[in-house]
């Protein structure tokens, strides 16, 4: 049985829902969520970005034989002598795709193509361009050019038969798909897709197609969240915009919990907002309401409704994206069964001074580029207001100013959470 919010809170030292650090959020969510257990077996052309369900053991060695890494001449490297060139007679030609079974004696070599099986007794390849050919057809290898064993690929140096080629929890990127195919495997067993329901809340939110009205804004959060979830590989259940009416909210939360592993809402969790959304979360589930020591994105609700994990995000567009990237995305990856869920931070030098008070984590929109000196640098993308979505579009990452960090001087090194592959 899953631990309750109170039980998880009791495990965390210094837990305070009214002043929770960004690190504390990550620790809490790591205890709240668990991977889905259902699996399916699918063709590798349909498996991009899916999570491997069990170790994939290699049925063969790759490469299956010692082979040449170069177009050149294969010979016994023991014949190399320090300070002296080596002359060899060409005894035949080994082509890629089939073995050469001729005999090779002392003072002989075999012309060989890249990928061709190394003939028995030969362990070294000299690239063709490093040799000279005499009038008698013999080749000469200059002194000091090679060491015994050079330019030979060993059997199983990529993968050895019986060893795991992929581990449970690995994500199947393009290189991994090629790796699976190189083993002659057409299908792979993966965790099923995570089902995530999302909807926006608020009477001031307009759906696309509705005419403008005073005091109302068009819903952007739903489309942003939908895109983020698609990029992650989730099955998205879009429940639209839900008005601040208890009956409508209850129906939306109930429908979401009945079909989704996770629920993501935006709006209705800030202090001073109409209480309907928070009240319905409390009525239907086991939910904590946080004030996180961060900027942007301070308010957040987290818990469970039925068997679904709930993430109640702020209403401001940039705050939605920041809280998703910092907290929700790693939690969803854990639910998907991924081994690697942490965010990798890049180091770059700040191109300008940044004001920052210790005691909260700040995520500032920035653009990373390479300076004239070849060093990575980052500068903020203008207005950092939590409703300024255009600055998020202009950015290629978030400058992460950590909880205890103070002001940053121009030229100081900072951490950056890059967007590539995430949004």
Protein backbone atom coordinates (compact mmCIF):
# COMPACT_ATOMS: atom_id res chain seq x y z
CA UNK A 1 0.00 0.00 0.00
CA UNK A 2 1.28 3.48 -0.87
CA UNK A 3 2.47 5.73 1.93
CA UNK A 4 0.21 8.64 2.86
CA UNK A 5 1.22 12.30 2.63
CA UNK A 6 1.62 12.38 6.42
CA UNK A 7 3.78 9.24 6.42
CA UNK A 8 6.07 10.64 3.72
CA UNK A 9 6.31 13.99 5.51
CA UNK A 10 7.35 12.21 8.72
CA UNK A 11 10.33 10.68 6.88
CA UNK A 12 11.73 14.06 5.81
CA UNK A 13 13.84 16.03 8.25
CA UNK A 14 12.64 19.61 8.68
CA UNK A 15 9.62 19.17 6.40
CA UNK A 16 7.58 22.39 6.33
CA UNK A 17 4.88 22.64 3.65
CA UNK A 18 4.83 26.43 4.07
CA UNK A 19 8.56 26.82 3.38
CA UNK A 20 9.72 23.82 1.37
CA UNK A 21 13.05 23.91 -0.46
CA UNK A 22 13.39 22.75 -4.05
CA UNK A 23 15.58 19.89 -2.82
CA UNK A 24 12.85 18.94 -0.33
CA UNK A 25 10.29 18.74 -3.14
CA UNK A 26 12.48 16.28 -5.02
CA UNK A 27 12.94 14.10 -1.93
CA UNK A 28 9.20 14.09 -1.23
CA UNK A 29 8.22 13.16 -4.78
CA UNK A 30 10.79 10.37 -4.91
CA UNK A 31 8.89 8.76 -2.03
CA UNK A 32 5.44 9.54 -3.41
CA UNK A 33 5.66 7.95 -6.84
CA UNK A 34 6.48 4.42 -8.02
CA UNK A 35 6.91 2.85 -11.48
CA UNK A 36 4.03 1.33 -13.41
CA UNK A 37 4.38 -2.45 -13.55
CA UNK A 38 2.53 -3.38 -16.75
CA UNK A 39 4.63 -4.15 -19.83
CA UNK A 40 4.16 -4.77 -23.54
CA UNK A 41 6.32 -6.19 -26.31
CA UNK A 42 6.58 -4.01 -29.41
CA UNK A 43 8.58 -3.73 -32.62
CA UNK A 44 11.70 -1.60 -32.36
CA UNK A 45 10.43 0.90 -34.96
CA UNK A 46 7.65 1.73 -32.48
CA UNK A 47 9.89 1.77 -29.41
CA UNK A 48 11.56 5.19 -29.60
CA UNK A 49 11.86 6.75 -26.11
CA UNK A 50 10.14 3.82 -24.41
CA UNK A 51 11.56 2.39 -21.17
CA UNK A 52 13.13 -1.08 -21.21
CA UNK A 53 11.21 -3.34 -18.81
CA UNK A 54 13.88 -5.99 -18.16
CA UNK A 55 17.57 -6.46 -18.88
CA UNK A 56 18.07 -7.25 -22.56
CA UNK A 57 20.69 -10.00 -22.74
CA UNK A 58 22.76 -10.16 -25.89
CA UNK A 59 22.16 -13.42 -27.81
CA UNK A 60 25.42 -13.01 -29.71
CA UNK A 61 28.75 -11.20 -29.58
CA UNK A 62 29.18 -7.91 -31.44
CA UNK A 63 31.31 -8.08 -33.45
CA UNK A 64 31.02 -11.88 -33.80
CA UNK A 65 34.68 -12.25 -34.87
CA UNK A 66 37.91 -10.32 -34.67
CA UNK A 67 37.82 -8.02 -37.68
CA UNK A 68 39.69 -5.22 -39.35
CA UNK A 69 39.04 -1.60 -38.41
CA UNK A 70 40.69 -0.37 -41.60
CA UNK A 71 41.15 -0.99 -45.31
CA UNK A 72 44.74 -2.22 -45.40
CA UNK A 73 46.89 -5.29 -44.85
CA UNK A 74 46.59 -7.83 -42.03
CA UNK A 75 49.70 -9.56 -40.70
CA UNK A 76 51.29 -11.11 -37.63
CA UNK A 77 52.40 -8.15 -35.49
CA UNK A 78 55.22 -10.19 -33.95
CA UNK A 79 57.17 -9.55 -37.16
CA UNK A 80 57.49 -5.82 -36.36
CA UNK A 81 61.01 -4.86 -35.31
CA UNK A 82 61.95 -1.62 -33.62
CA UNK A 83 63.69 0.83 -35.92
CA UNK A 84 63.31 -1.28 -39.05
CA UNK A 85 60.78 -1.29 -41.91
CA UNK A 86 58.89 -4.48 -42.68
CA UNK A 87 58.38 -5.93 -46.14
CA UNK A 88 55.56 -8.42 -46.71
CA UNK A 89 54.29 -10.50 -49.61
CA UNK A 90 50.52 -10.27 -50.27
CA UNK A 91 49.05 -13.78 -50.04
CA UNK A 92 45.42 -12.96 -50.83
CA UNK A 93 42.48 -10.66 -50.15
CA UNK A 94 39.92 -10.85 -47.31
CA UNK A 95 36.60 -9.16 -48.08
CA UNK A 96 33.92 -8.06 -45.64
CA UNK A 97 31.07 -10.53 -45.25
CA UNK A 98 32.97 -13.78 -45.70
CA UNK A 99 35.98 -15.49 -44.18
CA UNK A 100 39.30 -15.94 -46.01
CA UNK A 101 40.61 -19.47 -45.39
CA UNK A 102 43.99 -19.38 -47.11
CA UNK A 103 47.30 -20.01 -45.37
CA UNK A 104 49.61 -17.15 -44.36
CA UNK A 105 53.27 -17.89 -43.75
CA UNK A 106 56.15 -15.82 -42.31
CA UNK A 107 56.82 -12.68 -44.33
CA UNK A 108 53.30 -12.65 -45.76
CA UNK A 109 50.15 -10.56 -45.25
CA UNK A 110 46.57 -10.44 -46.51
CA UNK A 111 44.95 -7.44 -48.12
CA UNK A 112 41.86 -6.78 -46.01
CA UNK A 113 38.75 -4.60 -46.12
CA UNK A 114 37.13 -2.79 -43.20
CA UNK A 115 34.94 -5.24 -41.27
CA UNK A 116 36.48 -8.35 -42.81
CA UNK A 117 37.24 -11.27 -40.47
CA UNK A 118 40.87 -11.39 -39.39
CA UNK A 119 42.51 -14.51 -40.91
CA UNK A 120 43.82 -17.05 -38.42
CA UNK A 121 47.17 -16.11 -36.88
CA UNK A 122 46.98 -12.44 -37.88
CA UNK A 123 46.45 -9.72 -35.29
CA UNK A 124 47.53 -6.37 -36.77
CA UNK A 125 46.36 -4.19 -39.67
CA UNK A 126 48.37 -1.46 -41.38
CA UNK A 127 46.20 1.13 -43.17
CA UNK A 128 46.70 1.00 -46.91
CA UNK A 129 47.77 4.66 -47.10
CA UNK A 130 50.69 4.00 -44.73
CA UNK A 131 52.31 1.45 -47.05
CA UNK A 132 54.48 1.53 -50.14
CA UNK A 133 54.19 -1.09 -52.91
CA UNK A 134 57.34 -2.28 -54.63
CA UNK A 135 57.78 -3.41 -58.23
CA UNK A 136 57.59 -7.03 -57.07
CA UNK A 137 54.18 -6.42 -55.48
CA UNK A 138 55.49 -6.63 -51.91
CA UNK A 139 54.38 -3.94 -49.50
CA UNK A 140 56.64 -2.02 -47.12
CA UNK A 141 55.59 -0.75 -43.70
CA UNK A 142 57.78 2.15 -42.47
CA UNK A 143 59.59 1.76 -39.15
CA UNK A 144 57.78 2.93 -35.99
CA UNK A 145 54.40 3.14 -37.71
CA UNK A 146 52.53 0.43 -35.75
CA UNK A 147 52.33 -1.60 -32.56
CA UNK A 148 51.23 -5.27 -32.57
CA UNK A 149 47.42 -5.49 -32.38
CA UNK A 150 46.76 -2.08 -33.96
CA UNK A 151 43.57 -1.57 -36.00
CA UNK A 152 41.97 -4.84 -34.96
CA UNK A 153 38.46 -4.98 -33.51
CA UNK A 154 38.13 -7.79 -31.00
CA UNK A 155 35.23 -10.23 -30.88
CA UNK A 156 32.62 -8.93 -28.43
CA UNK A 157 34.35 -5.60 -27.80
CA UNK A 158 31.00 -3.87 -28.29
CA UNK A 159 28.79 -6.54 -26.70
CA UNK A 160 29.62 -10.02 -25.43
CA UNK A 161 27.14 -12.86 -25.79
CA UNK A 162 25.26 -13.51 -22.53
CA UNK A 163 25.90 -10.02 -21.12
CA UNK A 164 23.22 -7.30 -20.76
CA UNK A 165 23.10 -5.04 -23.81
CA UNK A 166 20.51 -2.76 -22.16
CA UNK A 167 19.44 -2.52 -18.54
CA UNK A 168 15.92 -2.34 -17.17
CA UNK A 169 15.03 1.33 -16.97
CA UNK A 170 17.13 2.41 -19.95
CA UNK A 171 15.38 4.75 -22.35
CA UNK A 172 15.35 3.61 -25.98
CA UNK A 173 16.90 6.46 -27.93
CA UNK A 174 17.91 6.18 -31.60
CA UNK A 175 21.31 4.67 -30.73
CA UNK A 176 19.69 2.06 -28.48
CA UNK A 177 17.27 1.07 -31.25
CA UNK A 178 20.25 0.49 -33.54
CA UNK A 179 21.97 -1.52 -30.80
CA UNK A 180 18.92 -3.78 -30.43
CA UNK A 181 18.78 -4.27 -34.21
CA UNK A 182 22.50 -5.12 -34.30
CA UNK A 183 21.69 -8.12 -32.11
CA UNK A 184 19.13 -9.43 -34.59
CA UNK A 185 16.28 -8.60 -32.20
CA UNK A 186 13.08 -7.23 -33.78
CA UNK A 187 10.97 -6.69 -30.64
CA UNK A 188 11.63 -5.37 -27.16
CA UNK A 189 9.63 -5.53 -23.92
CA UNK A 190 8.95 -2.09 -22.48
CA UNK A 191 6.91 -0.52 -19.70
CA UNK A 192 3.50 0.57 -20.89
CA UNK A 193 3.04 4.26 -21.61
CA UNK A 194 2.24 6.45 -18.64
CA UNK A 195 -1.30 7.84 -18.82
CA UNK A 196 -1.49 11.48 -17.71
CA UNK A 197 -4.68 13.54 -17.54
CA UNK A 198 -4.44 17.32 -17.64
CA UNK A 199 -6.84 20.24 -17.43
CA UNK A 200 -6.81 23.96 -16.66
CA UNK A 201 -9.02 25.58 -14.04
CA UNK A 202 -10.53 29.06 -13.69
CA UNK A 203 -13.49 31.13 -14.79
CA UNK A 204 -11.11 33.61 -16.41
CA UNK A 205 -9.72 31.01 -18.84
CA UNK A 206 -10.92 31.01 -22.44
CA UNK A 207 -10.73 27.95 -24.66
CA UNK A 208 -9.58 28.40 -28.24
CA UNK A 209 -12.54 29.33 -30.43
CA UNK A 210 -14.31 31.36 -27.73
CA UNK A 211 -14.64 35.10 -28.36
CA UNK A 212 -12.49 37.42 -26.20
CA UNK A 213 -14.10 38.97 -23.12
CA UNK A 214 -12.97 41.52 -20.61
CA UNK A 215 -10.77 40.10 -17.84
CA UNK A 216 -10.34 36.73 -19.54
CA UNK A 217 -7.26 35.16 -21.11
CA UNK A 218 -6.84 32.32 -23.56
CA UNK A 219 -5.63 29.06 -22.06
CA UNK A 220 -1.98 28.42 -22.91
CA UNK A 221 -1.06 26.10 -20.05
CA UNK A 222 -3.03 23.13 -21.38
CA UNK A 223 -1.19 23.27 -24.69
CA UNK A 224 2.19 23.72 -23.04
CA UNK A 225 1.59 20.80 -20.66
CA UNK A 226 0.23 18.67 -23.51
CA UNK A 227 3.41 19.32 -25.51
CA UNK A 228 5.66 18.60 -22.54
CA UNK A 229 3.91 15.29 -21.91
CA UNK A 230 4.04 14.32 -25.57
CA UNK A 231 7.76 15.09 -25.65
CA UNK A 232 8.20 12.79 -22.64
CA UNK A 233 6.32 9.98 -24.38
CA UNK A 234 3.20 9.91 -22.20
CA UNK A 235 -0.33 9.07 -23.29
CA UNK A 236 -2.11 12.39 -22.75
CA UNK A 237 -5.76 12.61 -21.66
CA UNK A 238 -6.90 16.19 -22.31
CA UNK A 239 -9.89 17.21 -20.17
CA UNK A 240 -10.00 20.83 -21.34
CA UNK A 241 -10.83 23.84 -19.19
CA UNK A 242 -12.86 23.29 -16.02
CA UNK A 243 -14.80 26.18 -14.50
CA UNK A 244 -14.61 27.07 -10.79
CA UNK A 245 -17.76 25.14 -9.94
CA UNK A 246 -17.66 22.28 -7.41
CA UNK A 247 -19.75 19.89 -9.49
CA UNK A 248 -17.64 20.43 -12.61
CA UNK A 249 -14.38 20.14 -10.68
CA UNK A 250 -15.52 16.97 -8.94
CA UNK A 251 -16.51 15.41 -12.25
CA UNK A 252 -13.16 16.32 -13.83
CA UNK A 253 -11.04 15.00 -10.95
CA UNK A 254 -13.13 11.82 -10.75
CA UNK A 255 -12.87 11.19 -14.49
CA UNK A 256 -9.12 11.85 -14.44
CA UNK A 257 -8.48 9.53 -11.49
CA UNK A 258 -10.49 6.75 -13.13
CA UNK A 259 -8.26 6.55 -16.21
CA UNK A 260 -4.87 8.15 -15.50
CA UNK A 261 -1.71 7.32 -13.59
CA UNK A 262 -1.11 11.02 -12.95
CA UNK A 263 -3.18 14.20 -13.04
CA UNK A 264 -1.74 17.62 -13.82
CA UNK A 265 -3.80 20.76 -13.25
CA UNK A 266 -2.87 24.42 -13.58
CA UNK A 267 -4.35 27.22 -11.53
CA UNK A 268 -6.38 27.30 -8.34
CA UNK A 269 -3.61 26.49 -5.85
CA UNK A 270 -2.39 29.98 -4.88
CA UNK A 271 -3.21 31.73 -1.62
CA UNK A 272 -6.16 34.07 -2.12
CA UNK A 273 -7.62 32.27 -5.12
CA UNK A 274 -11.15 30.91 -5.05
CA UNK A 275 -11.15 27.87 -2.81
CA UNK A 276 -13.12 25.50 -5.05
CA UNK A 277 -10.16 23.70 -6.66
CA UNK A 278 -8.22 23.22 -3.42
CA UNK A 279 -11.36 22.23 -1.56
CA UNK A 280 -12.16 19.59 -4.17
CA UNK A 281 -8.61 18.23 -4.02
CA UNK A 282 -8.97 17.90 -0.24
CA UNK A 283 -12.38 16.30 -0.53
CA UNK A 284 -11.37 13.68 -3.09
CA UNK A 285 -7.79 12.89 -2.18
CA UNK A 286 -4.81 12.95 0.16
CA UNK A 287 -3.16 16.21 -0.84
CA UNK A 288 -0.46 18.57 0.48
CA UNK A 289 -0.45 22.27 -0.40
CA UNK A 290 3.03 23.72 -0.57
CA UNK A 291 4.72 27.09 -0.62
CA UNK A 292 8.04 26.31 -2.23
CA UNK A 293 11.08 28.51 -1.67
CA UNK A 294 11.51 29.16 -5.38
CA UNK A 295 10.91 31.70 -8.10
CA UNK A 296 8.86 31.46 -10.23
CA UNK A 297 6.30 28.87 -9.15
CA UNK A 298 5.89 29.10 -5.40
CA UNK A 299 2.47 27.41 -4.91
CA UNK A 300 2.03 23.73 -5.72
CA UNK A 301 -0.29 20.91 -4.66
CA UNK A 302 0.84 17.29 -4.56
CA UNK A 303 -0.83 14.07 -3.48
CA UNK A 304 -3.14 11.32 -4.64
CA UNK A 305 -6.70 11.08 -5.80
CA UNK A 306 -7.58 7.41 -5.80
CA UNK A 307 -4.60 5.62 -7.36
CA UNK A 308 -3.56 8.66 -9.41
CA UNK A 309 -0.73 10.98 -8.42
CA UNK A 310 -1.80 14.63 -8.44
CA UNK A 311 0.36 17.58 -9.44
CA UNK A 312 -1.45 20.88 -8.95
CA UNK A 313 0.68 23.53 -10.67
CA UNK A 314 0.46 27.35 -10.48
CA UNK A 315 -1.53 29.31 -13.02
CA UNK A 316 1.16 31.56 -14.51
CA UNK A 317 2.50 30.09 -17.76
CA UNK A 318 6.22 30.26 -16.95
CA UNK A 319 5.63 28.96 -13.42
CA UNK A 320 3.85 25.95 -14.92
CA UNK A 321 6.83 25.13 -17.12
CA UNK A 322 9.42 25.68 -14.39
CA UNK A 323 7.64 23.53 -11.80
CA UNK A 324 7.09 20.85 -14.43
CA UNK A 325 10.75 20.79 -15.49
CA UNK A 326 12.15 20.99 -11.96
CA UNK A 327 9.78 18.56 -10.20
CA UNK A 328 7.08 16.89 -12.30
CA UNK A 329 9.22 15.63 -15.17
CA UNK A 330 11.67 13.73 -12.90
CA UNK A 331 8.69 12.26 -10.99
CA UNK A 332 6.99 11.13 -14.21
CA UNK A 333 10.23 9.55 -15.43
CA UNK A 334 10.36 7.60 -12.17
CA UNK A 335 6.77 6.49 -12.73
CA UNK A 336 7.71 5.40 -16.25
CA UNK A 337 10.39 3.14 -14.76
CA UNK A 338 13.40 5.12 -16.01
CA UNK A 339 16.71 4.51 -14.26
CA UNK A 340 17.92 8.04 -14.92
CA UNK A 341 15.49 10.68 -13.63
CA UNK A 342 17.79 13.47 -12.45
CA UNK A 343 18.32 16.70 -14.34
CA UNK A 344 21.80 17.24 -15.79
CA UNK A 345 23.04 20.80 -15.29
CA UNK A 346 25.45 22.50 -17.67
CA UNK A 347 28.13 24.95 -16.46
CA UNK A 348 28.31 28.34 -18.19
CA UNK A 349 29.65 31.79 -17.33
CA UNK A 350 27.06 34.47 -16.69
CA UNK A 351 27.38 37.29 -19.22
CA UNK A 352 25.92 39.76 -16.73
CA UNK A 353 25.42 40.37 -13.03
CA UNK A 354 22.35 38.64 -11.53
CA UNK A 355 20.62 39.70 -8.33
CA UNK A 356 19.71 36.86 -6.00
CA UNK A 357 18.87 36.57 -2.30
CA UNK A 358 19.85 33.39 -0.45
CA UNK A 359 16.96 31.31 0.88
CA UNK A 360 15.18 30.30 -2.32
CA UNK A 361 15.98 28.62 -5.63
CA UNK A 362 15.55 30.83 -8.69
CA UNK A 363 15.10 29.65 -12.26
CA UNK A 364 15.89 32.45 -14.71
CA UNK A 365 15.32 32.08 -18.42
CA UNK A 366 18.58 32.23 -20.32
CA UNK A 367 20.29 31.68 -23.64
CA UNK A 368 23.52 29.70 -23.73
CA UNK A 369 26.01 30.44 -26.50
CA UNK A 370 29.73 30.09 -27.10
CA UNK A 371 31.77 33.26 -26.71
CA UNK A 372 34.65 34.45 -28.88
CA UNK A 373 37.04 32.72 -26.48
CA UNK A 374 35.23 29.42 -26.99
CA UNK A 375 33.82 29.38 -23.45
CA UNK A 376 30.09 28.78 -22.85
CA UNK A 377 28.25 31.83 -21.63
CA UNK A 378 24.64 32.50 -20.68
CA UNK A 379 22.55 35.66 -20.51
CA UNK A 380 18.98 36.17 -19.37
CA UNK A 381 16.21 36.66 -21.94
CA UNK A 382 14.79 39.95 -20.75
CA UNK A 383 11.66 40.24 -18.61
CA UNK A 384 11.63 37.42 -16.04
CA UNK A 385 7.97 37.82 -15.01
CA UNK A 386 6.17 34.53 -14.42
CA UNK A 387 3.53 35.41 -17.03
CA UNK A 388 5.98 36.36 -19.78
CA UNK A 389 5.83 33.24 -21.94
CA UNK A 390 7.69 34.85 -24.85
CA UNK A 391 10.90 34.96 -22.80
CA UNK A 392 10.59 31.19 -22.32
CA UNK A 393 10.35 30.78 -26.09
CA UNK A 394 13.50 32.87 -26.59
CA UNK A 395 15.46 30.90 -23.98
CA UNK A 396 17.24 27.58 -24.50
CA UNK A 397 17.62 26.82 -20.80
CA UNK A 398 16.99 27.86 -17.22
CA UNK A 399 19.75 29.44 -15.14
CA UNK A 400 19.48 27.62 -11.79
CA UNK A 401 20.47 29.81 -8.85
CA UNK A 402 20.50 27.46 -5.89
CA UNK A 403 18.88 27.88 -2.46
CA UNK A 404 21.94 29.17 -0.61
CA UNK A 405 23.37 31.15 -3.51
CA UNK A 406 23.61 34.96 -3.48
CA UNK A 407 24.30 37.59 -6.13
CA UNK A 408 26.15 36.51 -9.27
CA UNK A 409 28.83 38.74 -10.78
CA UNK A 410 29.42 38.95 -14.51
CA UNK A 411 31.79 36.13 -15.45
CA UNK A 412 30.81 33.88 -12.54
CA UNK A 413 30.03 30.26 -13.38
CA UNK A 414 26.39 29.20 -12.99
CA UNK A 415 24.35 26.03 -13.54
CA UNK A 416 21.97 25.82 -16.50
CA UNK A 417 19.14 23.33 -17.05
CA UNK A 418 19.06 22.98 -20.84
CA UNK A 419 15.74 22.59 -22.66
CA UNK A 420 16.94 20.34 -25.48
CA UNK A 421 15.02 17.09 -25.35
CA UNK A 422 12.75 18.29 -22.53
CA UNK A 423 10.53 20.97 -24.10
